[in-house]
C-alpha atoms as a PDB file:
ATOM      1  CA  MET A   1     -11.573  68.025 -20.183  1.00  0.00           C
ATOM      2  CA  THR A   2      -8.303  69.034 -21.831  1.00  0.00           C
ATOM      3  CA  PRO A   3      -6.638  67.092 -24.673  1.00  0.00           C
ATOM      4  CA  ARG A   4      -3.844  66.183 -22.235  1.00  0.00           C
ATOM      5  CA  GLN A   5      -6.378  64.659 -19.827  1.00  0.00           C
ATOM      6  CA  VAL A   6      -8.042  62.766 -22.684  1.00  0.00           C
ATOM      7  CA  ALA A   7      -4.613  61.499 -23.776  1.00  0.00           C
ATOM      8  CA  ALA A   8      -3.840  60.277 -20.255  1.00  0.00           C
ATOM      9  CA  LEU A   9      -7.184  58.500 -20.032  1.00  0.00           C
ATOM     10  CA  LEU A  10      -6.758  56.830 -23.426  1.00  0.00           C
ATOM     11  CA  LEU A  11      -3.277  55.680 -22.455  1.00  0.00           C
ATOM     12  CA  ALA A  12      -4.724  54.289 -19.230  1.00  0.00           C
ATOM     13  CA  LYS A  13      -7.428  52.459 -21.200  1.00  0.00           C
ATOM     14  CA  MET A  14      -4.687  50.823 -23.274  1.00  0.00           C
ATOM     15  CA  ALA A  15      -2.802  49.823 -20.126  1.00  0.00           C
ATOM     16  CA  LEU A  16      -6.005  48.247 -18.822  1.00  0.00           C
ATOM     17  CA  ALA A  17      -6.816  46.409 -22.064  1.00  0.00           C
ATOM     18  CA  ASP A  18      -4.977  43.198 -21.177  1.00  0.00           C
ATOM     19  CA  GLU A  19      -5.960  43.449 -17.499  1.00  0.00           C
ATOM     20  CA  ILE A  20      -2.286  43.515 -16.442  1.00  0.00           C
ATOM     21  CA  ILE A  21      -0.668  46.809 -15.474  1.00  0.00           C
ATOM     22  CA  ASP A  22       2.989  46.180 -16.229  1.00  0.00           C
ATOM     23  CA  PRO A  23       5.534  48.277 -14.262  1.00  0.00           C
ATOM     24  CA  SER A  24       6.659  49.892 -17.524  1.00  0.00           C
ATOM     25  CA  GLU A  25       3.061  50.885 -18.273  1.00  0.00           C
ATOM     26  CA  ARG A  26       2.676  52.321 -14.777  1.00  0.00           C
ATOM     27  CA  ALA A  27       5.884  54.342 -15.268  1.00  0.00           C
ATOM     28  CA  PHE A  28       4.630  55.623 -18.651  1.00  0.00           C
ATOM     29  CA  LEU A  29       1.368  56.720 -17.003  1.00  0.00           C
ATOM     30  CA  GLN A  30       3.276  58.330 -14.144  1.00  0.00           C
ATOM     31  CA  ASP A  31       5.145  60.417 -16.719  1.00  0.00           C
ATOM     32  CA  MET A  32       1.775  61.620 -18.044  1.00  0.00           C
ATOM     33  CA  LEU A  33       0.905  62.836 -14.549  1.00  0.00           C
ATOM     34  CA  HIS A  34       4.147  64.833 -14.456  1.00  0.00           C
ATOM     35  CA  GLU A  35       3.204  66.371 -17.807  1.00  0.00           C
ATOM     36  CA  GLY A  36       0.153  68.018 -16.255  1.00  0.00           C
ATOM     37  CA  ALA A  37      -2.596  65.486 -16.861  1.00  0.00           C
ATOM     38  CA  GLU A  38      -4.174  66.649 -13.562  1.00  0.00           C
ATOM     39  CA  PHE A  39      -4.839  63.305 -11.895  1.00  0.00           C
ATOM     40  CA  ALA A  40      -3.808  62.713  -8.287  1.00  0.00           C
ATOM     41  CA  SER A  41      -2.167  59.345  -8.949  1.00  0.00           C
ATOM     42  CA  VAL A  42      -1.838  56.559 -11.486  1.00  0.00           C
ATOM     43  CA  ASP A  43      -4.530  54.638  -9.610  1.00  0.00           C
ATOM     44  CA  ALA A  44      -6.892  57.635  -9.856  1.00  0.00           C
ATOM     45  CA  LEU A  45      -6.145  57.860 -13.567  1.00  0.00           C
ATOM     46  CA  LEU A  46      -6.870  54.146 -14.053  1.00  0.00           C
ATOM     47  CA  ALA A  47     -10.124  54.426 -12.103  1.00  0.00           C
ATOM     48  CA  SER A  48     -11.230  57.374 -14.217  1.00  0.00           C
ATOM     49  CA  ALA A  49     -10.310  55.505 -17.407  1.00  0.00           C
ATOM     50  CA  ARG A  50     -12.572  52.636 -16.364  1.00  0.00           C
ATOM     51  CA  GLU A  51     -15.461  55.096 -15.952  1.00  0.00           C
ATOM     52  CA  ASN A  52     -15.130  56.708 -19.416  1.00  0.00           C
ATOM     53  CA  SER A  53     -15.943  55.040 -22.704  1.00  0.00           C
ATOM     54  CA  LEU A  54     -13.514  55.147 -25.587  1.00  0.00           C
ATOM     55  CA  GLU A  55     -16.145  56.894 -27.690  1.00  0.00           C
ATOM     56  CA  SER A  56     -16.853  59.619 -25.117  1.00  0.00           C
ATOM     57  CA  LEU A  57     -13.149  60.368 -24.791  1.00  0.00           C
ATOM     58  CA  VAL A  58     -12.508  60.533 -28.537  1.00  0.00           C
ATOM     59  CA  GLU A  59     -15.487  62.877 -28.992  1.00  0.00           C
ATOM     60  CA  ARG A  60     -13.622  65.470 -26.914  1.00  0.00           C
ATOM     61  CA  LEU A  61     -10.718  65.659 -29.372  1.00  0.00           C
ATOM     62  CA  GLU A  62     -11.392  68.438 -31.833  1.00  0.00           C
ATOM     63  CA  LEU A  63      -7.985  68.793 -33.508  1.00  0.00           C
ATOM     64  CA  TYR A  64      -6.704  66.210 -35.982  1.00  0.00           C
ATOM     65  CA  PRO A  65      -3.084  66.691 -34.799  1.00  0.00           C
ATOM     66  CA  ASP A  66      -4.177  65.892 -31.229  1.00  0.00           C
ATOM     67  CA  ARG A  67      -5.864  62.703 -32.439  1.00  0.00           C
ATOM     68  CA  PHE A  68      -2.752  61.712 -34.414  1.00  0.00           C
ATOM     69  CA  LEU A  69      -0.347  62.282 -31.505  1.00  0.00           C
ATOM     70  CA  ILE A  70      -2.578  60.463 -29.049  1.00  0.00           C
ATOM     71  CA  ALA A  71      -2.840  57.484 -31.403  1.00  0.00           C
ATOM     72  CA  LEU A  72       0.948  57.416 -31.649  1.00  0.00           C
ATOM     73  CA  ARG A  73       1.400  57.468 -27.876  1.00  0.00           C
ATOM     74  CA  VAL A  74      -1.329  54.892 -27.313  1.00  0.00           C
ATOM     75  CA  PHE A  75       0.340  52.554 -29.807  1.00  0.00           C
ATOM     76  CA  LEU A  76       3.705  53.030 -28.117  1.00  0.00           C
ATOM     77  CA  MET A  77       1.999  52.310 -24.774  1.00  0.00           C
ATOM     78  CA  ALA A  78       0.576  49.074 -26.159  1.00  0.00           C
ATOM     79  CA  ARG A  79       4.105  47.968 -27.104  1.00  0.00           C
ATOM     80  CA  ILE A  80       5.936  49.242 -24.029  1.00  0.00           C
ATOM     81  CA  ASP A  81       5.988  45.817 -22.381  1.00  0.00           C
ATOM     82  CA  GLN A  82       7.364  44.267 -25.605  1.00  0.00           C
ATOM     83  CA  HIS A  83       4.124  42.366 -26.160  1.00  0.00           C
ATOM     84  CA  LEU A  84       1.030  43.351 -28.121  1.00  0.00           C
ATOM     85  CA  ASP A  85      -1.852  41.405 -26.631  1.00  0.00           C
ATOM     86  CA  ALA A  86      -4.838  40.636 -28.901  1.00  0.00           C
ATOM     87  CA  ARG A  87      -7.036  42.778 -26.628  1.00  0.00           C
ATOM     88  CA  GLU A  88      -4.607  45.688 -26.965  1.00  0.00           C
ATOM     89  CA  GLU A  89      -4.564  45.280 -30.737  1.00  0.00           C
ATOM     90  CA  ALA A  90      -8.376  45.231 -30.855  1.00  0.00           C
ATOM     91  CA  LEU A  91      -8.605  48.343 -28.690  1.00  0.00           C
ATOM     92  CA  PHE A  92      -6.060  50.151 -30.855  1.00  0.00           C
ATOM     93  CA  GLN A  93      -7.899  49.244 -34.067  1.00  0.00           C
ATOM     94  CA  LYS A  94     -11.162  50.508 -32.569  1.00  0.00           C
ATOM     95  CA  LEU A  95      -9.413  53.702 -31.488  1.00  0.00           C
ATOM     96  CA  LEU A  96      -8.005  54.236 -34.990  1.00  0.00           C
ATOM     97  CA  THR A  97     -11.484  53.873 -36.450  1.00  0.00           C
ATOM     98  CA  LEU A  98     -12.910  56.414 -33.999  1.00  0.00           C
ATOM     99  CA  LEU A  99     -10.048  58.872 -34.581  1.00  0.00           C
ATOM    100  CA  HIS A 100     -10.493  58.852 -38.381  1.00  0.00           C
ATOM    101  CA  LEU A 101      -6.768  58.945 -39.132  1.00  0.00           C
ATOM    102  CA  THR A 102      -5.619  58.807 -42.736  1.00  0.00           C
ATOM    103  CA  ALA A 103      -3.952  55.669 -44.053  1.00  0.00           C
ATOM    104  CA  ASP A 104      -0.713  57.617 -44.514  1.00  0.00           C
ATOM    105  CA  ASP A 105      -0.737  58.728 -40.893  1.00  0.00           C
ATOM    106  CA  ARG A 106      -1.410  55.188 -39.726  1.00  0.00           C
ATOM    107  CA  LEU A 107       1.720  54.156 -41.615  1.00  0.00           C
ATOM    108  CA  VAL A 108       3.715  56.932 -39.922  1.00  0.00           C
ATOM    109  CA  ILE A 109       2.627  55.563 -36.534  1.00  0.00           C
ATOM    110  CA  GLU A 110       3.596  52.002 -37.460  1.00  0.00           C
ATOM    111  CA  ARG A 111       6.953  53.157 -38.876  1.00  0.00           C
ATOM    112  CA  THR A 112       7.703  55.200 -35.760  1.00  0.00           C
ATOM    113  CA  ASP A 113       6.956  52.168 -33.600  1.00  0.00           C
ATOM    114  CA  LEU A 114       9.162  49.897 -35.722  1.00  0.00           C
ATOM    115  CA  ASP A 115      12.016  52.400 -35.610  1.00  0.00           C
ATOM    116  CA  ALA A 116      11.654  52.812 -31.838  1.00  0.00           C
ATOM    117  CA  ARG A 117      11.658  49.062 -31.207  1.00  0.00           C
ATOM    118  CA  SER A 118      14.694  48.500 -33.442  1.00  0.00           C
ATOM    119  CA  GLY A 119      16.641  51.331 -31.824  1.00  0.00           C
ATOM    120  CA  GLN A 120      16.736  53.272 -35.080  1.00  0.00           C
ATOM    121  CA  LEU A 121      14.567  56.173 -33.955  1.00  0.00           C
ATOM    122  CA  THR A 122      17.027  59.031 -33.682  1.00  0.00           C
ATOM    123  CA  GLU A 123      14.589  61.890 -34.269  1.00  0.00           C
ATOM    124  CA  ALA A 124      10.907  62.357 -34.861  1.00  0.00           C
ATOM    125  CA  SER A 125       9.660  62.064 -38.411  1.00  0.00           C
ATOM    126  CA  PRO A 126       8.763  65.326 -40.134  1.00  0.00           C
ATOM    127  CA  ARG A 127       5.084  64.323 -39.971  1.00  0.00           C
ATOM    128  CA  VAL A 128       5.220  63.816 -36.203  1.00  0.00           C
ATOM    129  CA  GLU A 129       6.916  67.202 -35.793  1.00  0.00           C
ATOM    130  CA  GLU A 130       4.337  68.834 -38.074  1.00  0.00           C
ATOM    131  CA  MET A 131       1.485  67.327 -36.082  1.00  0.00           C
ATOM    132  CA  PHE A 132       3.047  68.372 -32.774  1.00  0.00           C
ATOM    133  CA  LEU A 133       3.458  71.983 -33.900  1.00  0.00           C
ATOM    134  CA  ALA A 134      -0.196  72.085 -34.988  1.00  0.00           C
ATOM    135  CA  SER A 135      -1.501  70.381 -31.836  1.00  0.00           C
ATOM    136  CA  SER A 136      -2.767  71.777 -28.589  1.00  0.00           C
ATOM    137  CA  PHE A 137       0.160  69.993 -26.889  1.00  0.00           C
ATOM    138  CA  CYS A 138       2.678  72.395 -28.427  1.00  0.00           C
ATOM    139  CA  ASP A 139       1.438  75.276 -26.293  1.00  0.00           C
ATOM    140  CA  ASP A 140       1.494  73.293 -23.048  1.00  0.00           C
END
């Protein structure tokens, strides 16, 4: 399984966390399919996400930059419907623990989310760019 497929599945798990697939979440997942996540449809992606544990998916991520970028996207997914459900928050905290991100990188993710929600995100932070360039997603 590629890092892009793992990312898509983790995003789908976040969409499923509150048991409501919002249209904005479905659109976000559809974009993942266009980025080469190799699933036939959003429904197929959601079904596969239900079949895979969080732990088994995280175990497939070897590169720290991949883990960082996936955590960032998962957090943005959790907020896409403008509401962070307690179940989404719990899933994200569990994911952060499994990903072993540094405290500084967790702050970068929170700051990026705050900037995005306030409309102040004009460009990616240097840390996000650094992580992207070192990730397996850069070559895709």
